[in-house]
PDB file of N, CA and C in Angstrom:
ATOM      1  N   MET A   1       1.000  -1.340   0.318  1.00  0.00           N
ATOM      2  CA  MET A   1      -0.074  -0.330  -0.103  1.00  0.00           C
ATOM      3  C   MET A   1       0.791   1.530  -0.183  1.00  0.00           C
ATOM      4  N   LYS A   2       1.902   1.169   0.571  1.00  0.00           N
ATOM      5  CA  LYS A   2       3.030   2.320   0.708  1.00  0.00           C
ATOM      6  C   LYS A   2       3.629   2.443  -0.732  1.00  0.00           C
ATOM      7  N   ARG A   3       3.547   1.513  -1.216  1.00  0.00           N
ATOM      8  CA  ARG A   3       4.460   1.497  -2.513  1.00  0.00           C
ATOM      9  C   ARG A   3       3.434   2.371  -3.561  1.00  0.00           C
ATOM     10  N   MET A   4       2.180   1.820  -4.044  1.00  0.00           N
ATOM     11  CA  MET A   4       0.883   2.551  -4.461  1.00  0.00           C
ATOM     12  C   MET A   4       1.173   4.060  -3.973  1.00  0.00           C
ATOM     13  N   TYR A   5       1.245   4.400  -2.596  1.00  0.00           N
ATOM     14  CA  TYR A   5       0.908   6.286  -2.352  1.00  0.00           C
ATOM     15  C   TYR A   5       2.396   6.641  -2.701  1.00  0.00           C
ATOM     16  N   LEU A   6       3.589   6.048  -3.032  1.00  0.00           N
ATOM     17  CA  LEU A   6       4.572   6.913  -3.606  1.00  0.00           C
ATOM     18  C   LEU A   6       4.798   6.389  -5.205  1.00  0.00           C
ATOM     19  N   LEU A   7       4.167   5.684  -5.261  1.00  0.00           N
ATOM     20  CA  LEU A   7       4.004   5.688  -7.439  1.00  0.00           C
ATOM     21  C   LEU A   7       2.817   6.933  -7.912  1.00  0.00           C
ATOM     22  N   ALA A   8       1.807   7.339  -7.197  1.00  0.00           N
ATOM     23  CA  ALA A   8       0.998   8.104  -7.057  1.00  0.00           C
ATOM     24  C   ALA A   8       1.662   9.370  -6.960  1.00  0.00           C
ATOM     25  N   LEU A   9       2.456   9.330  -5.874  1.00  0.00           N
ATOM     26  CA  LEU A   9       3.070  11.056  -5.469  1.00  0.00           C
ATOM     27  C   LEU A   9       3.932  10.893  -6.423  1.00  0.00           C
ATOM     28  N   SER A  10       4.428  10.167  -7.241  1.00  0.00           N
ATOM     29  CA  SER A  10       5.630  10.347  -7.899  1.00  0.00           C
ATOM     30  C   SER A  10       5.221  10.792  -9.164  1.00  0.00           C
ATOM     31  N   LEU A  11       3.854  10.513  -9.462  1.00  0.00           N
ATOM     32  CA  LEU A  11       3.635  10.158 -10.876  1.00  0.00           C
ATOM     33  C   LEU A  11       2.458  12.267 -10.776  1.00  0.00           C
ATOM     34  N   LEU A  12       1.909  12.543  -9.491  1.00  0.00           N
ATOM     35  CA  LEU A  12       1.183  13.331  -9.261  1.00  0.00           C
ATOM     36  C   LEU A  12       2.159  14.721  -9.453  1.00  0.00           C
ATOM     37  N   LEU A  13       3.298  14.620  -8.268  1.00  0.00           N
ATOM     38  CA  LEU A  13       4.033  15.702  -8.446  1.00  0.00           C
ATOM     39  C   LEU A  13       4.732  16.286  -9.245  1.00  0.00           C
ATOM     40  N   PRO A  14       5.183  15.695 -10.070  1.00  0.00           N
ATOM     41  CA  PRO A  14       5.637  16.397 -11.362  1.00  0.00           C
ATOM     42  C   PRO A  14       4.601  17.536 -12.081  1.00  0.00           C
ATOM     43  N   LEU A  15       3.406  16.620 -12.101  1.00  0.00           N
ATOM     44  CA  LEU A  15       2.247  17.581 -13.275  1.00  0.00           C
ATOM     45  C   LEU A  15       1.629  18.684 -11.762  1.00  0.00           C
ATOM     46  N   PHE A  16       1.353  19.046 -10.571  1.00  0.00           N
ATOM     47  CA  PHE A  16       1.343  19.792  -9.304  1.00  0.00           C
ATOM     48  C   PHE A  16       2.503  20.821 -10.137  1.00  0.00           C
ATOM     49  N   LEU A  17       3.867  20.586  -9.718  1.00  0.00           N
ATOM     50  CA  LEU A  17       4.783  21.406  -9.836  1.00  0.00           C
ATOM     51  C   LEU A  17       4.754  22.625 -11.328  1.00  0.00           C
ATOM     52  N   ILE A  18       4.710  21.530 -12.560  1.00  0.00           N
ATOM     53  CA  ILE A  18       4.342  21.917 -13.778  1.00  0.00           C
ATOM     54  C   ILE A  18       3.239  23.329 -13.951  1.00  0.00           C
ATOM     55  N   ALA A  19       1.936  22.951 -13.287  1.00  0.00           N
ATOM     56  CA  ALA A  19       1.054  23.504 -13.301  1.00  0.00           C
ATOM     57  C   ALA A  19       1.210  24.818 -12.545  1.00  0.00           C
ATOM     58  N   CYS A  20       2.051  24.543 -11.393  1.00  0.00           N
ATOM     59  CA  CYS A  20       1.940  25.973 -10.464  1.00  0.00           C
ATOM     60  C   CYS A  20       3.121  26.483 -10.650  1.00  0.00           C
ATOM     61  N   GLN A  21       3.939  26.480 -12.056  1.00  0.00           N
ATOM     62  CA  GLN A  21       4.894  27.644 -12.236  1.00  0.00           C
ATOM     63  C   GLN A  21       4.358  29.022 -12.873  1.00  0.00           C
ATOM     64  N   PRO A  22       4.953  29.824 -12.379  1.00  0.00           N
ATOM     65  CA  PRO A  22       4.318  31.571 -12.791  1.00  0.00           C
ATOM     66  C   PRO A  22       4.461  31.481 -14.024  1.00  0.00           C
ATOM     67  N   GLN A  23       3.980  32.088 -15.024  1.00  0.00           N
ATOM     68  CA  GLN A  23       3.858  32.589 -16.250  1.00  0.00           C
ATOM     69  C   GLN A  23       4.905  33.386 -16.746  1.00  0.00           C
ATOM     70  N   LYS A  24       5.317  33.219 -18.176  1.00  0.00           N
ATOM     71  CA  LYS A  24       6.443  33.674 -18.368  1.00  0.00           C
ATOM     72  C   LYS A  24       5.951  35.297 -18.414  1.00  0.00           C
ATOM     73  N   ALA A  25       7.021  35.992 -18.077  1.00  0.00           N
ATOM     74  CA  ALA A  25       6.828  37.675 -18.138  1.00  0.00           C
ATOM     75  C   ALA A  25       5.827  37.722 -19.449  1.00  0.00           C
ATOM     76  N   ALA A  26       6.659  37.434 -20.409  1.00  0.00           N
ATOM     77  CA  ALA A  26       5.956  38.097 -21.999  1.00  0.00           C
ATOM     78  C   ALA A  26       4.437  37.691 -21.945  1.00  0.00           C
ATOM     79  N   GLU A  27       3.967  36.809 -21.370  1.00  0.00           N
ATOM     80  CA  GLU A  27       2.839  36.626 -21.409  1.00  0.00           C
ATOM     81  C   GLU A  27       1.594  37.314 -20.146  1.00  0.00           C
ATOM     82  N   LYS A  28       2.376  37.544 -19.550  1.00  0.00           N
ATOM     83  CA  LYS A  28       1.318  38.687 -18.272  1.00  0.00           C
ATOM     84  C   LYS A  28       1.442  39.844 -19.110  1.00  0.00           C
ATOM     85  N   VAL A  29       2.953  40.653 -19.542  1.00  0.00           N
ATOM     86  CA  VAL A  29       2.889  41.853 -19.636  1.00  0.00           C
ATOM     87  C   VAL A  29       2.498  42.158 -21.274  1.00  0.00           C
ATOM     88  N   SER A  30       1.513  42.796 -21.292  1.00  0.00           N
ATOM     89  CA  SER A  30       0.833  43.160 -23.208  1.00  0.00           C
ATOM     90  C   SER A  30       1.820  44.095 -23.625  1.00  0.00           C
ATOM     91  N   GLU A  31       1.916  44.251 -24.816  1.00  0.00           N
ATOM     92  CA  GLU A  31       3.094  44.889 -25.831  1.00  0.00           C
ATOM     93  C   GLU A  31       2.938  46.025 -25.508  1.00  0.00           C
ATOM     94  N   LYS A  32       4.213  46.973 -25.144  1.00  0.00           N
ATOM     95  CA  LYS A  32       4.206  47.903 -24.774  1.00  0.00           C
ATOM     96  C   LYS A  32       3.810  48.906 -26.509  1.00  0.00           C
ATOM     97  N   THR A  33       3.096  50.176 -25.938  1.00  0.00           N
ATOM     98  CA  THR A  33       2.938  50.596 -27.165  1.00  0.00           C
ATOM     99  C   THR A  33       3.353  52.298 -27.061  1.00  0.00           C
ATOM    100  N   TYR A  34       3.903  52.807 -28.255  1.00  0.00           N
ATOM    101  CA  TYR A  34       4.355  54.278 -28.048  1.00  0.00           C
ATOM    102  C   TYR A  34       3.766  54.920 -29.004  1.00  0.00           C
ATOM    103  N   THR A  35       4.195  56.479 -28.694  1.00  0.00           N
ATOM    104  CA  THR A  35       3.354  57.820 -29.217  1.00  0.00           C
ATOM    105  C   THR A  35       4.573  58.542 -30.237  1.00  0.00           C
ATOM    106  N   ALA A  36       3.854  58.705 -30.785  1.00  0.00           N
ATOM    107  CA  ALA A  36       4.714  59.838 -32.111  1.00  0.00           C
ATOM    108  C   ALA A  36       3.584  61.080 -32.334  1.00  0.00           C
ATOM    109  N   THR A  37       3.687  62.010 -32.957  1.00  0.00           N
ATOM    110  CA  THR A  37       3.056  63.116 -33.456  1.00  0.00           C
ATOM    111  C   THR A  37       3.342  62.825 -35.076  1.00  0.00           C
ATOM    112  N   LEU A  38       2.409  62.746 -35.732  1.00  0.00           N
ATOM    113  CA  LEU A  38       2.299  62.898 -37.326  1.00  0.00           C
ATOM    114  C   LEU A  38       1.057  64.105 -37.728  1.00  0.00           C
ATOM    115  N   THR A  39       2.106  64.624 -38.793  1.00  0.00           N
ATOM    116  CA  THR A  39       1.872  65.916 -39.189  1.00  0.00           C
ATOM    117  C   THR A  39       1.814  65.380 -41.031  1.00  0.00           C
ATOM    118  N   VAL A  40       0.640  66.159 -41.605  1.00  0.00           N
ATOM    119  CA  VAL A  40       0.596  66.425 -43.154  1.00  0.00           C
ATOM    120  C   VAL A  40      -0.060  67.334 -43.366  1.00  0.00           C
ATOM    121  N   GLU A  41       1.247  68.108 -43.982  1.00  0.00           N
ATOM    122  CA  GLU A  41       0.507  69.358 -44.156  1.00  0.00           C
ATOM    123  C   GLU A  41       0.188  69.209 -45.715  1.00  0.00           C
ATOM    124  N   PHE A  42      -0.902  69.248 -46.028  1.00  0.00           N
ATOM    125  CA  PHE A  42      -1.626  69.338 -47.433  1.00  0.00           C
ATOM    126  C   PHE A  42      -1.377  70.550 -48.359  1.00  0.00           C
ATOM    127  N   SER A  43      -1.490  71.558 -47.466  1.00  0.00           N
ATOM    128  CA  SER A  43      -1.490  72.673 -48.446  1.00  0.00           C
ATOM    129  C   SER A  43      -1.179  74.019 -47.471  1.00  0.00           C
ATOM    130  N   ALA A  44      -0.799  75.233 -47.765  1.00  0.00           N
ATOM    131  CA  ALA A  44      -0.732  75.983 -46.143  1.00  0.00           C
ATOM    132  C   ALA A  44      -1.680  76.763 -45.571  1.00  0.00           C
ATOM    133  N   ASP A  45      -2.967  75.889 -46.141  1.00  0.00           N
ATOM    134  CA  ASP A  45      -3.645  76.375 -44.858  1.00  0.00           C
ATOM    135  C   ASP A  45      -4.631  75.007 -44.658  1.00  0.00           C
ATOM    136  N   LYS A  46      -4.144  73.965 -45.067  1.00  0.00           N
ATOM    137  CA  LYS A  46      -4.621  72.790 -44.204  1.00  0.00           C
ATOM    138  C   LYS A  46      -3.834  71.527 -44.076  1.00  0.00           C
ATOM    139  N   THR A  47      -3.771  71.707 -42.560  1.00  0.00           N
ATOM    140  CA  THR A  47      -2.848  70.398 -42.076  1.00  0.00           C
ATOM    141  C   THR A  47      -3.580  69.597 -41.318  1.00  0.00           C
ATOM    142  N   ASP A  48      -2.912  68.455 -41.240  1.00  0.00           N
ATOM    143  CA  ASP A  48      -3.456  67.446 -40.158  1.00  0.00           C
ATOM    144  C   ASP A  48      -2.613  67.378 -38.952  1.00  0.00           C
ATOM    145  N   SER A  49      -2.430  67.357 -38.166  1.00  0.00           N
ATOM    146  CA  SER A  49      -1.701  66.869 -36.787  1.00  0.00           C
ATOM    147  C   SER A  49      -2.491  65.964 -35.809  1.00  0.00           C
ATOM    148  N   GLN A  50      -1.658  64.815 -35.425  1.00  0.00           N
ATOM    149  CA  GLN A  50      -2.442  64.255 -34.355  1.00  0.00           C
ATOM    150  C   GLN A  50      -1.567  63.147 -33.605  1.00  0.00           C
ATOM    151  N   THR A  51      -1.644  62.947 -32.417  1.00  0.00           N
ATOM    152  CA  THR A  51      -0.478  61.792 -31.690  1.00  0.00           C
ATOM    153  C   THR A  51      -1.097  60.370 -31.957  1.00  0.00           C
ATOM    154  N   VAL A  52      -0.069  59.819 -32.686  1.00  0.00           N
ATOM    155  CA  VAL A  52      -0.831  58.073 -32.969  1.00  0.00           C
ATOM    156  C   VAL A  52       0.030  57.538 -32.112  1.00  0.00           C
ATOM    157  N   GLU A  53      -0.491  56.042 -31.853  1.00  0.00           N
ATOM    158  CA  GLU A  53       0.205  55.133 -31.283  1.00  0.00           C
ATOM    159  C   GLU A  53       1.290  54.268 -31.935  1.00  0.00           C
ATOM    160  N   PHE A  54       2.352  53.395 -31.803  1.00  0.00           N
ATOM    161  CA  PHE A  54       2.433  52.549 -32.615  1.00  0.00           C
ATOM    162  C   PHE A  54       3.081  51.342 -31.616  1.00  0.00           C
ATOM    163  N   LYS A  55       3.607  49.913 -32.483  1.00  0.00           N
ATOM    164  CA  LYS A  55       4.382  49.534 -31.550  1.00  0.00           C
ATOM    165  C   LYS A  55       5.817  49.521 -31.496  1.00  0.00           C
ATOM    166  N   LYS A  56       6.396  48.575 -31.419  1.00  0.00           N
ATOM    167  CA  LYS A  56       8.090  48.650 -31.287  1.00  0.00           C
ATOM    168  C   LYS A  56       8.553  47.726 -32.527  1.00  0.00           C
ATOM    169  N   GLY A  57       9.145  48.346 -33.341  1.00  0.00           N
ATOM    170  CA  GLY A  57       9.873  47.929 -34.739  1.00  0.00           C
ATOM    171  C   GLY A  57       8.892  48.648 -35.791  1.00  0.00           C
ATOM    172  N   ASP A  58       7.229  49.430 -35.430  1.00  0.00           N
ATOM    173  CA  ASP A  58       6.648  49.338 -36.628  1.00  0.00           C
ATOM    174  C   ASP A  58       7.403  50.459 -37.592  1.00  0.00           C
ATOM    175  N   LYS A  59       7.367  50.583 -38.713  1.00  0.00           N
ATOM    176  CA  LYS A  59       7.535  51.261 -40.186  1.00  0.00           C
ATOM    177  C   LYS A  59       6.805  52.321 -40.531  1.00  0.00           C
ATOM    178  N   VAL A  60       7.037  54.004 -40.445  1.00  0.00           N
ATOM    179  CA  VAL A  60       6.512  54.906 -40.603  1.00  0.00           C
ATOM    180  C   VAL A  60       5.244  54.806 -41.860  1.00  0.00           C
ATOM    181  N   ALA A  61       5.661  54.089 -42.357  1.00  0.00           N
ATOM    182  CA  ALA A  61       4.383  53.767 -43.317  1.00  0.00           C
ATOM    183  C   ALA A  61       3.518  53.027 -43.048  1.00  0.00           C
ATOM    184  N   ASN A  62       3.355  51.816 -42.060  1.00  0.00           N
ATOM    185  CA  ASN A  62       2.321  51.452 -41.107  1.00  0.00           C
ATOM    186  C   ASN A  62       1.602  52.847 -40.448  1.00  0.00           C
ATOM    187  N   ILE A  63       2.520  53.395 -39.475  1.00  0.00           N
ATOM    188  CA  ILE A  63       2.169  54.465 -39.064  1.00  0.00           C
ATOM    189  C   ILE A  63       0.899  54.986 -39.833  1.00  0.00           C
ATOM    190  N   LEU A  64       1.604  55.565 -40.982  1.00  0.00           N
ATOM    191  CA  LEU A  64       0.721  56.812 -41.815  1.00  0.00           C
ATOM    192  C   LEU A  64      -0.548  55.842 -42.454  1.00  0.00           C
ATOM    193  N   LYS A  65      -0.372  54.660 -42.854  1.00  0.00           N
ATOM    194  CA  LYS A  65      -1.588  54.084 -43.287  1.00  0.00           C
ATOM    195  C   LYS A  65      -2.696  53.882 -42.233  1.00  0.00           C
ATOM    196  N   LYS A  66      -2.452  53.561 -40.949  1.00  0.00           N
ATOM    197  CA  LYS A  66      -3.298  53.775 -39.808  1.00  0.00           C
ATOM    198  C   LYS A  66      -4.191  54.949 -40.028  1.00  0.00           C
ATOM    199  N   SER A  67      -3.958  55.927 -40.125  1.00  0.00           N
ATOM    200  CA  SER A  67      -4.581  57.120 -40.353  1.00  0.00           C
ATOM    201  C   SER A  67      -5.068  58.028 -41.380  1.00  0.00           C
ATOM    202  N   HIS A  68      -4.498  57.210 -42.241  1.00  0.00           N
ATOM    203  CA  HIS A  68      -4.503  58.258 -43.948  1.00  0.00           C
ATOM    204  C   HIS A  68      -4.591  57.321 -45.144  1.00  0.00           C
ATOM    205  N   LYS A  69      -5.341  57.087 -46.035  1.00  0.00           N
ATOM    206  CA  LYS A  69      -5.371  56.501 -46.929  1.00  0.00           C
ATOM    207  C   LYS A  69      -4.074  57.349 -47.972  1.00  0.00           C
ATOM    208  N   ILE A  70      -3.091  56.012 -48.203  1.00  0.00           N
ATOM    209  CA  ILE A  70      -1.980  56.475 -49.190  1.00  0.00           C
ATOM    210  C   ILE A  70      -1.921  55.342 -50.201  1.00  0.00           C
ATOM    211  N   GLU A  71      -0.993  55.776 -51.089  1.00  0.00           N
ATOM    212  CA  GLU A  71      -0.744  55.380 -52.077  1.00  0.00           C
ATOM    213  C   GLU A  71       1.020  55.068 -51.876  1.00  0.00           C
ATOM    214  N   LEU A  72       1.577  54.239 -52.452  1.00  0.00           N
ATOM    215  CA  LEU A  72       2.956  54.052 -52.670  1.00  0.00           C
ATOM    216  C   LEU A  72       3.645  53.419 -53.848  1.00  0.00           C
ATOM    217  N   LYS A  73       4.691  54.082 -54.392  1.00  0.00           N
ATOM    218  CA  LYS A  73       5.330  53.331 -55.474  1.00  0.00           C
ATOM    219  C   LYS A  73       6.764  53.518 -55.244  1.00  0.00           C
ATOM    220  N   SER A  74       7.452  52.134 -55.496  1.00  0.00           N
ATOM    221  CA  SER A  74       8.690  52.126 -55.322  1.00  0.00           C
ATOM    222  C   SER A  74       9.161  52.788 -53.761  1.00  0.00           C
ATOM    223  N   GLY A  75       8.559  52.205 -52.827  1.00  0.00           N
ATOM    224  CA  GLY A  75       8.946  52.927 -51.609  1.00  0.00           C
ATOM    225  C   GLY A  75       8.732  54.220 -50.908  1.00  0.00           C
ATOM    226  N   MET A  76       7.994  54.852 -52.105  1.00  0.00           N
ATOM    227  CA  MET A  76       7.654  56.175 -51.720  1.00  0.00           C
ATOM    228  C   MET A  76       6.343  56.462 -51.881  1.00  0.00           C
ATOM    229  N   VAL A  77       5.867  57.562 -51.001  1.00  0.00           N
ATOM    230  CA  VAL A  77       4.878  58.026 -51.055  1.00  0.00           C
ATOM    231  C   VAL A  77       4.292  59.118 -52.027  1.00  0.00           C
ATOM    232  N   THR A  78       3.187  58.258 -52.969  1.00  0.00           N
ATOM    233  CA  THR A  78       2.632  58.978 -54.149  1.00  0.00           C
ATOM    234  C   THR A  78       1.148  59.730 -53.845  1.00  0.00           C
ATOM    235  N   SER A  79       0.626  59.291 -52.828  1.00  0.00           N
ATOM    236  CA  SER A  79      -0.538  59.940 -52.288  1.00  0.00           C
ATOM    237  C   SER A  79      -0.769  59.889 -51.128  1.00  0.00           C
ATOM    238  N   ILE A  80      -1.419  60.921 -50.256  1.00  0.00           N
ATOM    239  CA  ILE A  80      -2.295  60.968 -49.044  1.00  0.00           C
ATOM    240  C   ILE A  80      -3.119  61.317 -49.048  1.00  0.00           C
ATOM    241  N   ASP A  81      -4.412  60.727 -48.807  1.00  0.00           N
ATOM    242  CA  ASP A  81      -5.739  61.188 -48.623  1.00  0.00           C
ATOM    243  C   ASP A  81      -6.267  61.833 -49.932  1.00  0.00           C
ATOM    244  N   GLY A  82      -5.994  61.322 -51.187  1.00  0.00           N
ATOM    245  CA  GLY A  82      -6.193  61.845 -52.278  1.00  0.00           C
ATOM    246  C   GLY A  82      -5.541  62.873 -52.741  1.00  0.00           C
ATOM    247  N   VAL A  83      -4.414  63.630 -52.451  1.00  0.00           N
ATOM    248  CA  VAL A  83      -3.585  64.404 -52.507  1.00  0.00           C
ATOM    249  C   VAL A  83      -2.716  63.608 -53.352  1.00  0.00           C
ATOM    250  N   ASN A  84      -2.130  63.700 -54.444  1.00  0.00           N
ATOM    251  CA  ASN A  84      -1.005  63.106 -55.240  1.00  0.00           C
ATOM    252  C   ASN A  84       0.070  64.090 -55.398  1.00  0.00           C
ATOM    253  N   GLN A  85       1.363  63.611 -55.499  1.00  0.00           N
ATOM    254  CA  GLN A  85       2.655  64.597 -55.988  1.00  0.00           C
ATOM    255  C   GLN A  85       2.437  64.516 -57.325  1.00  0.00           C
ATOM    256  N   ASP A  86       2.885  65.276 -57.860  1.00  0.00           N
ATOM    257  CA  ASP A  86       2.656  66.035 -59.259  1.00  0.00           C
ATOM    258  C   ASP A  86       4.309  65.850 -60.337  1.00  0.00           C
ATOM    259  N   GLN A  87       4.821  65.079 -60.829  1.00  0.00           N
ATOM    260  CA  GLN A  87       5.589  64.902 -61.328  1.00  0.00           C
ATOM    261  C   GLN A  87       5.774  66.095 -62.360  1.00  0.00           C
ATOM    262  N   ALA A  88       4.894  66.710 -63.091  1.00  0.00           N
ATOM    263  CA  ALA A  88       5.189  67.506 -64.210  1.00  0.00           C
ATOM    264  C   ALA A  88       5.501  68.705 -63.566  1.00  0.00           C
ATOM    265  N   THR A  89       5.096  69.072 -62.410  1.00  0.00           N
ATOM    266  CA  THR A  89       5.468  70.450 -61.690  1.00  0.00           C
ATOM    267  C   THR A  89       6.451  70.082 -60.676  1.00  0.00           C
ATOM    268  N   SER A  90       7.425  68.822 -60.341  1.00  0.00           N
ATOM    269  CA  SER A  90       8.463  68.245 -59.709  1.00  0.00           C
ATOM    270  C   SER A  90       7.883  68.504 -58.523  1.00  0.00           C
ATOM    271  N   THR A  91       6.450  68.330 -57.794  1.00  0.00           N
ATOM    272  CA  THR A  91       6.126  68.668 -56.367  1.00  0.00           C
ATOM    273  C   THR A  91       6.011  66.909 -55.794  1.00  0.00           C
ATOM    274  N   TYR A  92       6.786  66.676 -54.787  1.00  0.00           N
ATOM    275  CA  TYR A  92       6.830  65.327 -54.697  1.00  0.00           C
ATOM    276  C   TYR A  92       6.686  65.544 -53.037  1.00  0.00           C
ATOM    277  N   TRP A  93       5.466  64.211 -52.193  1.00  0.00           N
ATOM    278  CA  TRP A  93       5.988  64.214 -51.185  1.00  0.00           C
ATOM    279  C   TRP A  93       7.070  63.507 -50.346  1.00  0.00           C
ATOM    280  N   MET A  94       7.617  64.519 -48.947  1.00  0.00           N
ATOM    281  CA  MET A  94       8.685  64.323 -48.486  1.00  0.00           C
ATOM    282  C   MET A  94       8.404  64.110 -47.140  1.00  0.00           C
ATOM    283  N   TYR A  95       8.976  63.716 -46.156  1.00  0.00           N
ATOM    284  CA  TYR A  95       9.122  63.449 -44.538  1.00  0.00           C
ATOM    285  C   TYR A  95      10.206  63.814 -44.179  1.00  0.00           C
ATOM    286  N   ASP A  96      10.121  64.514 -42.855  1.00  0.00           N
ATOM    287  CA  ASP A  96      11.034  64.676 -41.794  1.00  0.00           C
ATOM    288  C   ASP A  96      10.948  63.906 -40.991  1.00  0.00           C
ATOM    289  N   VAL A  97      11.639  63.632 -39.747  1.00  0.00           N
ATOM    290  CA  VAL A  97      11.392  63.041 -38.636  1.00  0.00           C
ATOM    291  C   VAL A  97      12.463  64.016 -37.299  1.00  0.00           C
ATOM    292  N   ASN A  98      11.565  64.580 -36.707  1.00  0.00           N
ATOM    293  CA  ASN A  98      12.495  65.425 -35.543  1.00  0.00           C
ATOM    294  C   ASN A  98      12.928  66.289 -36.365  1.00  0.00           C
ATOM    295  N   GLY A  99      12.453  66.978 -37.678  1.00  0.00           N
ATOM    296  CA  GLY A  99      12.819  67.934 -37.869  1.00  0.00           C
ATOM    297  C   GLY A  99      13.846  67.903 -38.914  1.00  0.00           C
ATOM    298  N   GLU A 100      13.982  66.804 -39.176  1.00  0.00           N
ATOM    299  CA  GLU A 100      15.297  66.538 -40.054  1.00  0.00           C
ATOM    300  C   GLU A 100      14.786  65.483 -41.531  1.00  0.00           C
ATOM    301  N   MET A 101      15.359  65.734 -42.666  1.00  0.00           N
ATOM    302  CA  MET A 101      14.805  64.878 -43.545  1.00  0.00           C
ATOM    303  C   MET A 101      15.436  63.347 -43.537  1.00  0.00           C
ATOM    304  N   ALA A 102      14.503  62.501 -43.376  1.00  0.00           N
ATOM    305  CA  ALA A 102      14.312  61.295 -43.228  1.00  0.00           C
ATOM    306  C   ALA A 102      15.828  60.652 -44.164  1.00  0.00           C
ATOM    307  N   PRO A 103      16.144  59.914 -42.973  1.00  0.00           N
ATOM    308  CA  PRO A 103      17.732  59.172 -44.295  1.00  0.00           C
ATOM    309  C   PRO A 103      17.241  57.883 -45.028  1.00  0.00           C
ATOM    310  N   LYS A 104      15.630  57.384 -44.823  1.00  0.00           N
ATOM    311  CA  LYS A 104      15.237  56.267 -45.198  1.00  0.00           C
ATOM    312  C   LYS A 104      13.701  56.429 -45.832  1.00  0.00           C
ATOM    313  N   GLY A 105      13.749  55.332 -46.627  1.00  0.00           N
ATOM    314  CA  GLY A 105      12.101  55.627 -47.088  1.00  0.00           C
ATOM    315  C   GLY A 105      11.099  55.115 -46.007  1.00  0.00           C
ATOM    316  N   VAL A 106       9.936  55.173 -46.392  1.00  0.00           N
ATOM    317  CA  VAL A 106       8.754  55.059 -44.965  1.00  0.00           C
ATOM    318  C   VAL A 106       8.474  53.636 -45.300  1.00  0.00           C
ATOM    319  N   GLU A 107       8.953  52.569 -45.933  1.00  0.00           N
ATOM    320  CA  GLU A 107       8.744  51.079 -45.755  1.00  0.00           C
ATOM    321  C   GLU A 107       9.987  50.550 -45.061  1.00  0.00           C
ATOM    322  N   GLU A 108      11.059  51.611 -44.931  1.00  0.00           N
ATOM    323  CA  GLU A 108      12.359  50.890 -44.015  1.00  0.00           C
ATOM    324  C   GLU A 108      12.649  51.805 -42.276  1.00  0.00           C
ATOM    325  N   GLN A 109      11.612  53.163 -42.468  1.00  0.00           N
ATOM    326  CA  GLN A 109      12.662  53.937 -41.429  1.00  0.00           C
ATOM    327  C   GLN A 109      11.663  53.253 -40.243  1.00  0.00           C
ATOM    328  N   VAL A 110      12.207  53.254 -39.150  1.00  0.00           N
ATOM    329  CA  VAL A 110      11.437  52.657 -38.098  1.00  0.00           C
ATOM    330  C   VAL A 110      11.077  53.726 -36.822  1.00  0.00           C
ATOM    331  N   ALA A 111      10.149  53.720 -37.023  1.00  0.00           N
ATOM    332  CA  ALA A 111       9.708  55.296 -35.816  1.00  0.00           C
ATOM    333  C   ALA A 111      10.221  54.298 -34.272  1.00  0.00           C
ATOM    334  N   LYS A 112      10.541  55.601 -33.721  1.00  0.00           N
ATOM    335  CA  LYS A 112      10.819  55.607 -32.153  1.00  0.00           C
ATOM    336  C   LYS A 112       9.898  56.583 -31.664  1.00  0.00           C
ATOM    337  N   ASP A 113       9.826  56.125 -29.878  1.00  0.00           N
ATOM    338  CA  ASP A 113       8.696  56.784 -29.154  1.00  0.00           C
ATOM    339  C   ASP A 113       9.419  58.339 -29.227  1.00  0.00           C
ATOM    340  N   GLY A 114       7.900  59.138 -29.402  1.00  0.00           N
ATOM    341  CA  GLY A 114       8.534  60.803 -29.393  1.00  0.00           C
ATOM    342  C   GLY A 114       8.621  61.359 -30.580  1.00  0.00           C
ATOM    343  N   ASP A 115       8.987  60.671 -31.245  1.00  0.00           N
ATOM    344  CA  ASP A 115       8.985  60.924 -32.847  1.00  0.00           C
ATOM    345  C   ASP A 115       8.359  62.322 -33.209  1.00  0.00           C
ATOM    346  N   LYS A 116       8.493  62.979 -34.371  1.00  0.00           N
ATOM    347  CA  LYS A 116       7.621  64.043 -34.836  1.00  0.00           C
ATOM    348  C   LYS A 116       7.943  63.773 -35.869  1.00  0.00           C
ATOM    349  N   ILE A 117       7.038  63.121 -36.870  1.00  0.00           N
ATOM    350  CA  ILE A 117       7.533  62.961 -38.408  1.00  0.00           C
ATOM    351  C   ILE A 117       6.223  63.512 -39.061  1.00  0.00           C
ATOM    352  N   LYS A 118       6.469  64.179 -39.849  1.00  0.00           N
ATOM    353  CA  LYS A 118       5.979  65.590 -40.597  1.00  0.00           C
ATOM    354  C   LYS A 118       6.214  65.312 -42.528  1.00  0.00           C
ATOM    355  N   PHE A 119       4.813  65.026 -42.733  1.00  0.00           N
ATOM    356  CA  PHE A 119       4.773  65.076 -44.230  1.00  0.00           C
ATOM    357  C   PHE A 119       4.379  66.594 -44.680  1.00  0.00           C
ATOM    358  N   TYR A 120       4.800  66.530 -46.155  1.00  0.00           N
ATOM    359  CA  TYR A 120       4.734  67.726 -46.680  1.00  0.00           C
ATOM    360  C   TYR A 120       4.796  67.840 -48.052  1.00  0.00           C
ATOM    361  N   LEU A 121       4.080  68.812 -49.159  1.00  0.00           N
ATOM    362  CA  LEU A 121       4.764  68.438 -50.401  1.00  0.00           C
ATOM    363  C   LEU A 121       5.744  69.544 -50.674  1.00  0.00           C
ATOM    364  N   GLN A 122       6.675  69.129 -51.411  1.00  0.00           N
ATOM    365  CA  GLN A 122       8.079  69.708 -51.841  1.00  0.00           C
ATOM    366  C   GLN A 122       8.227  70.167 -52.987  1.00  0.00           C
ATOM    367  N   THR A 123       8.315  71.027 -53.934  1.00  0.00           N
ATOM    368  CA  THR A 123       8.259  71.629 -55.337  1.00  0.00           C
ATOM    369  C   THR A 123      10.240  71.387 -55.299  1.00  0.00           C
ATOM    370  N   TYR A 124      10.531  70.730 -56.539  1.00  0.00           N
ATOM    371  CA  TYR A 124      12.465  71.061 -56.804  1.00  0.00           C
ATOM    372  C   TYR A 124      12.522  71.655 -57.998  1.00  0.00           C
ATOM    373  N   LYS A 125      12.931  72.621 -57.806  1.00  0.00           N
ATOM    374  CA  LYS A 125      13.329  73.864 -59.241  1.00  0.00           C
ATOM    375  C   LYS A 125      14.550  73.097 -60.225  1.00  0.00           C
TER     376      LYS A 125
END
């Protein structure tokens, strides 16, 4: 009889210990969100500015897509909310991150917490 108790205990104890383990930290904590200021200058008198939330590793293109209807061609923004760039007048959508021209395209540029991202139409002569 003592052997049966020991056998039962030896079979149940590992199951009990596995069930009582704490959950992994990654499972307990929801994924952290970050914020950035996204500004789109459509013209001198029409600007849309908002605070947007995103997750670590999100690209600028993904953030812009969440709040605006955009079109991309070869990794470049060609239209935002129906306002198109115009190759005939050499006017193109450009963007800055924290006051400086972005070093990468929108599909490569990773956003960081607190970034100030600004899209605007720029005419080149």
